Amino acid sequence: MPAQPDRRAQLGTFLRSRRERLTPDEVGLPQTGRRRTPGLRREELALLAGISATWYTYLEQGRKIRASEQVLTALAVALRLDRQERDHLLQLAGHAPAAAEAEEREPLTAEAAAVPLLLQPNPAYIIGGTYDVLSHNQAAADLFPRLIMEADRPANFVRWVFLEPAARHVLLDWEPEARALLARLRMLAARHPGDPRYTRLVEDLTEGSPEAREWWPQYEVQARHSGRKRLRHPRRGARDYTYTAFHLAEQPEQTLVVYYDSGDRPPKAEP
C-alpha cells in the first residue's frame, strides 16, 4: 500500500533526522567547508545510497513518489539504521518490513561507499555481483548518462549497456564490450545457481535486448579484469580510457572500478 500524505511527511522528517545525525567523518567523506546545517548534505547521502540527489530530495520533501524496498534498504545502509529503524522506514514508505527481500541489496559499508567520492574527478563506481551500482561519483554519472536514474531501484550497469540507448552512443565499441560484459555475468551467475537476483536480471536482458537473447545461449564466460575502453565523453568527445578493477577485501564480488583518461598526463609517482 502506497504511503499516505501524513506518512510521506513523517517519512521525510525521519529521513532528515537520521541524515542530520551523521557526520562526513563517520562515513569517510572529506570535509568541504562550513556547513549551514548539521550532518550530511542530501546529495552526499544520495551518492552513498546510489540514487539520484533530486529523487532523494523529493522523497525527503514528502512528495508523491513511491520508493522500492531496494532503494529504502540502500538508504537504511547509508544512514546506518538499526533493524528497528529500518523497519520503521519501510512502514512509513508503505512497505511491510520483513523479509529476506529487504536484505536483497548487497551490503556496502559507508567507508567503502565513500571511496568513489574521494576519487573525483576520475570516474569511479562500486558494483556488486549482479552489477548493481552500489556507489558512484559525479564523474561516473557524467560519463555514463542515464545510468544513475531517478528510479525506484538501484542502477545496474548490465541493464544500462543492453537496455539504455545512450549506452550505444557512449561505448564506441558497443558489441564487443556488451558481449564481454554478458560473458562476465554468465560466470558470476554460475556461482549462484538459483539466485533470483540473477534470474530476474537475465530475464530482463533477454526480454528487452535481441542481442542478449541471441548471445546468452552461446555460454561465453569471462572473468572481471582491468583494461581499456573507447568512450564518448559528453564534453570531450571520443576518448581512450584505462580502467582498473579492485575487489573489496570483505566482499570479493564487489568491485571498485576506476577510469583514467589515457590522453591525460599520468600523475608522477612519489619517490
C-alpha atoms as a PDB file:
ATOM      1  CA  MET A   1       0.000   0.000   0.000  1.00  0.00           C
ATOM      2  CA  PRO A   2       1.491   3.400  -1.002  1.00  0.00           C
ATOM      3  CA  ALA A   3       2.432   5.810   1.756  1.00  0.00           C
ATOM      4  CA  GLN A   4      -0.381   8.212   2.703  1.00  0.00           C
ATOM      5  CA  PRO A   5       0.190  12.021   2.729  1.00  0.00           C
ATOM      6  CA  ASP A   6       0.759  12.206   6.511  1.00  0.00           C
ATOM      7  CA  ARG A   7       3.088   9.220   6.334  1.00  0.00           C
ATOM      8  CA  ARG A   8       5.027  10.816   3.471  1.00  0.00           C
ATOM      9  CA  ALA A   9       5.599  13.862   5.683  1.00  0.00           C
ATOM     10  CA  GLN A  10       6.695  11.609   8.544  1.00  0.00           C
ATOM     11  CA  LEU A  11       8.978   9.726   6.174  1.00  0.00           C
ATOM     12  CA  GLY A  12      10.658  12.966   5.111  1.00  0.00           C
ATOM     13  CA  THR A  13      11.078  14.066   8.719  1.00  0.00           C
ATOM     14  CA  PHE A  14      12.509  10.688   9.707  1.00  0.00           C
ATOM     15  CA  LEU A  15      14.993  10.649   6.810  1.00  0.00           C
ATOM     16  CA  ARG A  16      16.108  14.204   7.558  1.00  0.00           C
ATOM     17  CA  SER A  17      16.611  13.457  11.248  1.00  0.00           C
ATOM     18  CA  ARG A  18      18.773  10.429  10.509  1.00  0.00           C
ATOM     19  CA  ARG A  19      20.737  12.273   7.820  1.00  0.00           C
ATOM     20  CA  GLU A  20      21.492  15.144  10.189  1.00  0.00           C
ATOM     21  CA  ARG A  21      22.866  12.880  12.900  1.00  0.00           C
ATOM     22  CA  LEU A  22      25.654  11.548  10.644  1.00  0.00           C
ATOM     23  CA  THR A  23      28.868  13.493  10.090  1.00  0.00           C
ATOM     24  CA  PRO A  24      31.074  13.323   6.982  1.00  0.00           C
ATOM     25  CA  ASP A  25      33.874  11.889   9.124  1.00  0.00           C
ATOM     26  CA  GLU A  26      31.679   8.987  10.215  1.00  0.00           C
ATOM     27  CA  VAL A  27      31.080   7.853   6.634  1.00  0.00           C
ATOM     28  CA  GLY A  28      34.567   8.625   5.332  1.00  0.00           C
ATOM     29  CA  LEU A  29      33.722  11.787   3.385  1.00  0.00           C
ATOM     30  CA  PRO A  30      36.114  14.744   3.200  1.00  0.00           C
ATOM     31  CA  GLN A  31      35.177  18.000   4.903  1.00  0.00           C
ATOM     32  CA  THR A  32      34.160  20.594   2.303  1.00  0.00           C
ATOM     33  CA  GLY A  33      33.999  23.881   4.124  1.00  0.00           C
ATOM     34  CA  ARG A  34      31.493  25.282   6.591  1.00  0.00           C
ATOM     35  CA  ARG A  35      28.043  23.698   6.712  1.00  0.00           C
ATOM     36  CA  ARG A  36      24.852  25.628   7.402  1.00  0.00           C
ATOM     37  CA  THR A  37      23.115  22.561   8.852  1.00  0.00           C
ATOM     38  CA  PRO A  38      24.445  19.560  10.775  1.00  0.00           C
ATOM     39  CA  GLY A  39      25.044  16.169   9.264  1.00  0.00           C
ATOM     40  CA  LEU A  40      25.316  15.006   5.687  1.00  0.00           C
ATOM     41  CA  ARG A  41      24.065  17.003   2.728  1.00  0.00           C
ATOM     42  CA  ARG A  42      21.247  15.479   0.701  1.00  0.00           C
ATOM     43  CA  GLU A  43      23.469  14.938  -2.324  1.00  0.00           C
ATOM     44  CA  GLU A  44      26.089  13.193  -0.188  1.00  0.00           C
ATOM     45  CA  LEU A  45      23.546  10.742   1.192  1.00  0.00           C
ATOM     46  CA  ALA A  46      22.135  10.144  -2.292  1.00  0.00           C
ATOM     47  CA  LEU A  47      25.599   9.293  -3.611  1.00  0.00           C
ATOM     48  CA  LEU A  48      26.233   6.888  -0.734  1.00  0.00           C
ATOM     49  CA  ALA A  49      22.912   5.162  -1.437  1.00  0.00           C
ATOM     50  CA  GLY A  50      23.441   5.096  -5.225  1.00  0.00           C
ATOM     51  CA  ILE A  51      20.315   7.099  -6.107  1.00  0.00           C
ATOM     52  CA  SER A  52      19.588  10.464  -7.695  1.00  0.00           C
ATOM     53  CA  ALA A  53      20.009  13.503  -5.451  1.00  0.00           C
ATOM     54  CA  THR A  54      16.902  15.111  -6.968  1.00  0.00           C
ATOM     55  CA  TRP A  55      14.845  11.977  -6.409  1.00  0.00           C
ATOM     56  CA  TYR A  56      16.046  11.712  -2.804  1.00  0.00           C
ATOM     57  CA  THR A  57      15.172  15.372  -2.228  1.00  0.00           C
ATOM     58  CA  TYR A  58      11.612  14.711  -3.429  1.00  0.00           C
ATOM     59  CA  LEU A  59      11.408  11.749  -1.030  1.00  0.00           C
ATOM     60  CA  GLU A  60      12.567  13.866   1.911  1.00  0.00           C
ATOM     61  CA  GLN A  61      10.172  16.645   0.948  1.00  0.00           C
ATOM     62  CA  GLY A  62       7.255  14.215   1.185  1.00  0.00           C
ATOM     63  CA  ARG A  63       6.307  14.402  -2.475  1.00  0.00           C
ATOM     64  CA  LYS A  64       4.014  11.809  -4.042  1.00  0.00           C
ATOM     65  CA  ILE A  65       6.599   9.292  -5.205  1.00  0.00           C
ATOM     66  CA  ARG A  66       6.995   5.616  -4.378  1.00  0.00           C
ATOM     67  CA  ALA A  67      10.289   4.095  -3.282  1.00  0.00           C
ATOM     68  CA  SER A  68      11.004   0.405  -3.692  1.00  0.00           C
ATOM     69  CA  GLU A  69      12.251  -1.737  -0.824  1.00  0.00           C
ATOM     70  CA  GLN A  70      15.638  -1.961  -2.580  1.00  0.00           C
ATOM     71  CA  VAL A  71      16.075   1.806  -2.562  1.00  0.00           C
ATOM     72  CA  LEU A  72      14.840   2.113   1.021  1.00  0.00           C
ATOM     73  CA  THR A  73      17.251  -0.615   2.096  1.00  0.00           C
ATOM     74  CA  ALA A  74      20.078   1.237   0.345  1.00  0.00           C
ATOM     75  CA  LEU A  75      19.155   4.381   2.270  1.00  0.00           C
ATOM     76  CA  ALA A  76      18.984   2.383   5.509  1.00  0.00           C
ATOM     77  CA  VAL A  77      22.533   1.097   4.922  1.00  0.00           C
ATOM     78  CA  ALA A  78      23.854   4.568   4.057  1.00  0.00           C
ATOM     79  CA  LEU A  79      22.152   6.053   7.137  1.00  0.00           C
ATOM     80  CA  ARG A  80      23.418   3.215   9.363  1.00  0.00           C
ATOM     81  CA  LEU A  81      19.939   2.419  10.620  1.00  0.00           C
ATOM     82  CA  ASP A  82      19.452  -0.452  13.026  1.00  0.00           C
ATOM     83  CA  ARG A  83      16.803  -3.129  12.419  1.00  0.00           C
ATOM     84  CA  GLN A  84      14.020  -1.256  14.243  1.00  0.00           C
ATOM     85  CA  GLU A  85      14.783   1.996  12.417  1.00  0.00           C
ATOM     86  CA  ARG A  86      14.864   0.214   9.069  1.00  0.00           C
ATOM     87  CA  ASP A  87      11.522  -1.471   9.736  1.00  0.00           C
ATOM     88  CA  HIS A  88      10.066   1.924  10.693  1.00  0.00           C
ATOM     89  CA  LEU A  89      11.419   3.425   7.461  1.00  0.00           C
ATOM     90  CA  LEU A  90       9.746   0.679   5.423  1.00  0.00           C
ATOM     91  CA  GLN A  91       6.453   1.126   7.255  1.00  0.00           C
ATOM     92  CA  LEU A  92       6.413   4.889   6.683  1.00  0.00           C
ATOM     93  CA  ALA A  93       7.023   4.286   2.974  1.00  0.00           C
ATOM     94  CA  GLY A  94       4.091   1.874   2.759  1.00  0.00           C
ATOM     95  CA  HIS A  95       6.021  -1.405   2.792  1.00  0.00           C
ATOM     96  CA  ALA A  96       5.750  -4.260   5.215  1.00  0.00           C
ATOM     97  CA  PRO A  97       9.083  -4.631   6.968  1.00  0.00           C
ATOM     98  CA  ALA A  98      10.371  -8.112   6.823  1.00  0.00           C
ATOM     99  CA  ALA A  99      11.699 -10.315   4.620  1.00  0.00           C
ATOM    100  CA  ALA A 100      14.587 -11.604   3.042  1.00  0.00           C
ATOM    101  CA  GLU A 101      13.670  -9.402   0.111  1.00  0.00           C
ATOM    102  CA  ALA A 102      14.570  -6.334   2.169  1.00  0.00           C
ATOM    103  CA  GLU A 103      18.058  -7.800   2.515  1.00  0.00           C
ATOM    104  CA  GLU A 104      18.370  -8.315  -1.226  1.00  0.00           C
ATOM    105  CA  ARG A 105      20.548  -5.287  -1.865  1.00  0.00           C
ATOM    106  CA  GLU A 106      24.163  -6.159  -1.201  1.00  0.00           C
ATOM    107  CA  PRO A 107      25.568  -4.617   1.979  1.00  0.00           C
ATOM    108  CA  LEU A 108      28.176  -1.919   1.468  1.00  0.00           C
ATOM    109  CA  THR A 109      29.892  -0.166   4.336  1.00  0.00           C
ATOM    110  CA  ALA A 110      29.727   3.614   4.419  1.00  0.00           C
ATOM    111  CA  GLU A 111      33.541   3.739   4.383  1.00  0.00           C
ATOM    112  CA  ALA A 112      33.668   1.728   1.153  1.00  0.00           C
ATOM    113  CA  ALA A 113      30.792   3.727  -0.364  1.00  0.00           C
ATOM    114  CA  ALA A 114      32.767   6.944   0.163  1.00  0.00           C
ATOM    115  CA  VAL A 115      35.779   5.795  -1.874  1.00  0.00           C
ATOM    116  CA  PRO A 116      34.403   6.765  -5.330  1.00  0.00           C
ATOM    117  CA  LEU A 117      33.680  10.256  -3.972  1.00  0.00           C
ATOM    118  CA  LEU A 118      37.325  10.599  -2.943  1.00  0.00           C
ATOM    119  CA  LEU A 119      38.459   9.648  -6.472  1.00  0.00           C
ATOM    120  CA  GLN A 120      36.652  12.551  -8.176  1.00  0.00           C
ATOM    121  CA  PRO A 121      37.336  13.816 -10.882  1.00  0.00           C
ATOM    122  CA  ASN A 122      38.228  10.316 -12.137  1.00  0.00           C
ATOM    123  CA  PRO A 123      35.034   8.360 -12.903  1.00  0.00           C
ATOM    124  CA  ALA A 124      34.628   5.633 -10.279  1.00  0.00           C
ATOM    125  CA  TYR A 125      31.909   3.348  -9.006  1.00  0.00           C
ATOM    126  CA  ILE A 126      31.438   0.190  -6.940  1.00  0.00           C
ATOM    127  CA  ILE A 127      29.406  -2.643  -8.432  1.00  0.00           C
ATOM    128  CA  GLY A 128      28.053  -5.748  -6.758  1.00  0.00           C
ATOM    129  CA  GLY A 129      27.868  -9.307  -8.005  1.00  0.00           C
ATOM    130  CA  THR A 130      24.831  -8.574 -10.175  1.00  0.00           C
ATOM    131  CA  TYR A 131      26.356  -5.304 -11.454  1.00  0.00           C
ATOM    132  CA  ASP A 132      24.121  -3.120  -9.292  1.00  0.00           C
ATOM    133  CA  VAL A 133      25.873   0.242  -8.870  1.00  0.00           C
ATOM    134  CA  LEU A 134      26.281   0.421  -5.090  1.00  0.00           C
ATOM    135  CA  SER A 135      28.189   3.724  -5.011  1.00  0.00           C
ATOM    136  CA  HIS A 136      29.477   6.198  -7.608  1.00  0.00           C
ATOM    137  CA  ASN A 137      30.831   9.709  -8.039  1.00  0.00           C
ATOM    138  CA  GLN A 138      29.623  12.569 -10.207  1.00  0.00           C
ATOM    139  CA  ALA A 139      32.262  11.943 -12.885  1.00  0.00           C
ATOM    140  CA  ALA A 140      30.845   8.438 -13.397  1.00  0.00           C
ATOM    141  CA  ALA A 141      27.302   9.809 -13.614  1.00  0.00           C
ATOM    142  CA  ASP A 142      28.512  12.284 -16.270  1.00  0.00           C
ATOM    143  CA  LEU A 143      30.456   9.696 -18.300  1.00  0.00           C
ATOM    144  CA  PHE A 144      27.613   7.166 -18.301  1.00  0.00           C
ATOM    145  CA  PRO A 145      24.456   9.267 -18.867  1.00  0.00           C
ATOM    146  CA  ARG A 146      21.171   7.802 -17.646  1.00  0.00           C
ATOM    147  CA  LEU A 147      22.972   5.093 -15.697  1.00  0.00           C
ATOM    148  CA  ILE A 148      22.035   6.813 -12.433  1.00  0.00           C
ATOM    149  CA  MET A 149      18.336   7.392 -12.943  1.00  0.00           C
ATOM    150  CA  GLU A 150      15.582   8.849 -10.808  1.00  0.00           C
ATOM    151  CA  ALA A 151      14.134   5.359 -10.447  1.00  0.00           C
ATOM    152  CA  ASP A 152      12.793   3.088  -7.751  1.00  0.00           C
ATOM    153  CA  ARG A 153      15.614   0.554  -7.955  1.00  0.00           C
ATOM    154  CA  PRO A 154      19.397   0.745  -7.914  1.00  0.00           C
ATOM    155  CA  ALA A 155      21.227   1.483 -11.126  1.00  0.00           C
ATOM    156  CA  ASN A 156      22.574  -1.620 -12.861  1.00  0.00           C
ATOM    157  CA  PHE A 157      25.477  -1.467 -15.316  1.00  0.00           C
ATOM    158  CA  VAL A 158      24.445  -4.518 -17.369  1.00  0.00           C
ATOM    159  CA  ARG A 159      20.881  -3.258 -17.786  1.00  0.00           C
ATOM    160  CA  TRP A 160      22.292   0.107 -18.846  1.00  0.00           C
ATOM    161  CA  VAL A 161      24.563  -1.414 -21.508  1.00  0.00           C
ATOM    162  CA  PHE A 162      21.852  -3.570 -23.071  1.00  0.00           C
ATOM    163  CA  LEU A 163      18.641  -1.657 -22.443  1.00  0.00           C
ATOM    164  CA  GLU A 164      19.613   2.034 -22.408  1.00  0.00           C
ATOM    165  CA  PRO A 165      20.016   3.532 -25.924  1.00  0.00           C
ATOM    166  CA  ALA A 166      22.532   6.087 -24.616  1.00  0.00           C
ATOM    167  CA  ALA A 167      24.987   3.233 -23.947  1.00  0.00           C
ATOM    168  CA  ARG A 168      25.478   2.607 -27.664  1.00  0.00           C
ATOM    169  CA  HIS A 169      26.472   6.227 -28.098  1.00  0.00           C
ATOM    170  CA  VAL A 170      28.914   6.195 -25.171  1.00  0.00           C
ATOM    171  CA  LEU A 171      30.548   2.798 -25.827  1.00  0.00           C
ATOM    172  CA  LEU A 172      32.296   3.271 -29.150  1.00  0.00           C
ATOM    173  CA  ASP A 173      32.881  -0.489 -29.399  1.00  0.00           C
ATOM    174  CA  TRP A 174      29.463  -1.454 -28.118  1.00  0.00           C
ATOM    175  CA  GLU A 175      29.170  -5.018 -29.442  1.00  0.00           C
ATOM    176  CA  PRO A 176      32.492  -6.440 -28.158  1.00  0.00           C
ATOM    177  CA  GLU A 177      32.033  -4.590 -24.860  1.00  0.00           C
ATOM    178  CA  ALA A 178      28.490  -5.899 -24.449  1.00  0.00           C
ATOM    179  CA  ARG A 179      29.499  -9.465 -25.367  1.00  0.00           C
ATOM    180  CA  ALA A 180      32.330  -9.411 -22.827  1.00  0.00           C
ATOM    181  CA  LEU A 181      30.062  -7.998 -20.133  1.00  0.00           C
ATOM    182  CA  LEU A 182      27.478 -10.735 -20.724  1.00  0.00           C
ATOM    183  CA  ALA A 183      30.234 -13.357 -20.514  1.00  0.00           C
ATOM    184  CA  ARG A 184      31.330 -11.960 -17.148  1.00  0.00           C
ATOM    185  CA  LEU A 185      27.739 -12.003 -15.924  1.00  0.00           C
ATOM    186  CA  ARG A 186      27.461 -15.648 -17.024  1.00  0.00           C
ATOM    187  CA  MET A 187      30.462 -16.595 -14.874  1.00  0.00           C
ATOM    188  CA  LEU A 188      29.087 -14.760 -11.844  1.00  0.00           C
ATOM    189  CA  ALA A 189      25.620 -16.276 -12.265  1.00  0.00           C
ATOM    190  CA  ALA A 190      27.143 -19.760 -12.359  1.00  0.00           C
ATOM    191  CA  ARG A 191      28.490 -19.210  -8.839  1.00  0.00           C
ATOM    192  CA  HIS A 192      24.945 -18.577  -7.555  1.00  0.00           C
ATOM    193  CA  PRO A 193      22.654 -21.188  -9.122  1.00  0.00           C
ATOM    194  CA  GLY A 194      19.035 -20.467  -8.350  1.00  0.00           C
ATOM    195  CA  ASP A 195      19.708 -16.963  -7.011  1.00  0.00           C
ATOM    196  CA  PRO A 196      16.595 -14.950  -8.011  1.00  0.00           C
ATOM    197  CA  ARG A 197      18.632 -11.762  -8.472  1.00  0.00           C
ATOM    198  CA  TYR A 198      20.496 -13.273 -11.415  1.00  0.00           C
ATOM    199  CA  THR A 199      17.367 -14.952 -12.769  1.00  0.00           C
ATOM    200  CA  ARG A 200      15.480 -11.649 -12.863  1.00  0.00           C
ATOM    201  CA  LEU A 201      18.424  -9.812 -14.407  1.00  0.00           C
ATOM    202  CA  VAL A 202      18.854 -12.356 -17.207  1.00  0.00           C
ATOM    203  CA  GLU A 203      15.103 -12.340 -17.835  1.00  0.00           C
ATOM    204  CA  ASP A 204      15.155  -8.543 -18.144  1.00  0.00           C
ATOM    205  CA  LEU A 205      18.068  -8.669 -20.582  1.00  0.00           C
ATOM    206  CA  THR A 206      16.740 -11.433 -22.812  1.00  0.00           C
ATOM    207  CA  GLU A 207      13.281  -9.892 -22.877  1.00  0.00           C
ATOM    208  CA  GLY A 208      14.462  -6.376 -23.698  1.00  0.00           C
ATOM    209  CA  SER A 209      17.546  -6.948 -25.866  1.00  0.00           C
ATOM    210  CA  PRO A 210      17.656  -9.090 -29.040  1.00  0.00           C
ATOM    211  CA  GLU A 211      21.441  -9.253 -28.726  1.00  0.00           C
ATOM    212  CA  ALA A 212      21.291 -10.631 -25.178  1.00  0.00           C
ATOM    213  CA  ARG A 213      18.624 -13.108 -26.313  1.00  0.00           C
ATOM    214  CA  GLU A 214      20.947 -14.345 -29.065  1.00  0.00           C
ATOM    215  CA  TRP A 215      24.228 -14.328 -27.104  1.00  0.00           C
ATOM    216  CA  TRP A 216      23.170 -15.747 -23.716  1.00  0.00           C
ATOM    217  CA  PRO A 217      22.665 -19.336 -25.019  1.00  0.00           C
ATOM    218  CA  GLN A 218      26.169 -19.261 -26.538  1.00  0.00           C
ATOM    219  CA  TYR A 219      27.519 -19.684 -22.994  1.00  0.00           C
ATOM    220  CA  GLU A 220      30.606 -17.484 -23.238  1.00  0.00           C
ATOM    221  CA  VAL A 221      32.415 -16.881 -19.925  1.00  0.00           C
ATOM    222  CA  GLN A 222      34.972 -14.298 -18.830  1.00  0.00           C
ATOM    223  CA  ALA A 223      36.377 -13.097 -15.504  1.00  0.00           C
ATOM    224  CA  ARG A 224      36.282  -9.452 -14.416  1.00  0.00           C
ATOM    225  CA  HIS A 225      39.518  -7.642 -15.218  1.00  0.00           C
ATOM    226  CA  SER A 226      41.145  -4.291 -15.892  1.00  0.00           C
ATOM    227  CA  GLY A 227      41.639  -2.980 -19.421  1.00  0.00           C
ATOM    228  CA  ARG A 228      40.940  -0.171 -21.880  1.00  0.00           C
ATOM    229  CA  LYS A 229      37.756   1.240 -23.376  1.00  0.00           C
ATOM    230  CA  ARG A 230      36.905   3.803 -26.010  1.00  0.00           C
ATOM    231  CA  LEU A 231      34.192   6.034 -24.606  1.00  0.00           C
ATOM    232  CA  ARG A 232      32.459   9.205 -25.755  1.00  0.00           C
ATOM    233  CA  HIS A 233      32.685  11.834 -23.031  1.00  0.00           C
ATOM    234  CA  PRO A 234      29.771  14.332 -23.032  1.00  0.00           C
ATOM    235  CA  ARG A 235      32.123  17.320 -23.321  1.00  0.00           C
ATOM    236  CA  ARG A 236      35.480  15.965 -24.541  1.00  0.00           C
ATOM    237  CA  GLY A 237      34.194  13.631 -27.231  1.00  0.00           C
ATOM    238  CA  ALA A 238      35.735  10.252 -28.096  1.00  0.00           C
ATOM    239  CA  ARG A 239      38.464   9.331 -25.615  1.00  0.00           C
ATOM    240  CA  ASP A 240      40.566   6.291 -24.722  1.00  0.00           C
ATOM    241  CA  TYR A 241      40.157   5.251 -21.094  1.00  0.00           C
ATOM    242  CA  THR A 242      42.162   2.882 -18.962  1.00  0.00           C
ATOM    243  CA  TYR A 243      40.137   1.252 -16.211  1.00  0.00           C
ATOM    244  CA  THR A 244      41.284  -0.695 -13.188  1.00  0.00           C
ATOM    245  CA  ALA A 245      39.194  -3.041 -11.054  1.00  0.00           C
ATOM    246  CA  PHE A 246      39.791  -3.652  -7.348  1.00  0.00           C
ATOM    247  CA  HIS A 247      37.899  -6.284  -5.358  1.00  0.00           C
ATOM    248  CA  LEU A 248      36.800  -5.282  -1.858  1.00  0.00           C
ATOM    249  CA  ALA A 249      38.503  -7.377   0.797  1.00  0.00           C
ATOM    250  CA  GLU A 250      35.379  -8.180   2.843  1.00  0.00           C
ATOM    251  CA  GLN A 251      33.100  -8.628  -0.201  1.00  0.00           C
ATOM    252  CA  PRO A 252      35.168 -10.133  -3.057  1.00  0.00           C
ATOM    253  CA  GLU A 253      32.281  -9.958  -5.541  1.00  0.00           C
ATOM    254  CA  GLN A 254      32.028  -6.215  -5.014  1.00  0.00           C
ATOM    255  CA  THR A 255      34.370  -4.322  -7.303  1.00  0.00           C
ATOM    256  CA  LEU A 256      35.668  -0.755  -7.326  1.00  0.00           C
ATOM    257  CA  VAL A 257      36.167   0.366 -10.933  1.00  0.00           C
ATOM    258  CA  VAL A 258      38.224   3.491 -11.641  1.00  0.00           C
ATOM    259  CA  TYR A 259      38.610   5.122 -15.079  1.00  0.00           C
ATOM    260  CA  TYR A 260      41.516   7.252 -16.201  1.00  0.00           C
ATOM    261  CA  ASP A 261      41.579   9.230 -19.442  1.00  0.00           C
ATOM    262  CA  SER A 262      44.603   7.836 -21.291  1.00  0.00           C
ATOM    263  CA  GLY A 263      45.115  11.167 -23.031  1.00  0.00           C
ATOM    264  CA  ASP A 264      45.758  12.972 -19.763  1.00  0.00           C
ATOM    265  CA  ARG A 265      49.234  13.125 -18.321  1.00  0.00           C
ATOM    266  CA  PRO A 266      49.511  10.415 -15.638  1.00  0.00           C
ATOM    267  CA  PRO A 267      50.344  11.560 -12.116  1.00  0.00           C
ATOM    268  CA  LYS A 268      54.015  11.237 -11.099  1.00  0.00           C
ATOM    269  CA  ALA A 269      54.787   8.547  -8.576  1.00  0.00           C
ATOM    270  CA  GLU A 270      56.296   9.737  -5.324  1.00  0.00           C
ATOM    271  CA  PRO A 271      59.959   8.756  -4.900  1.00  0.00           C
END
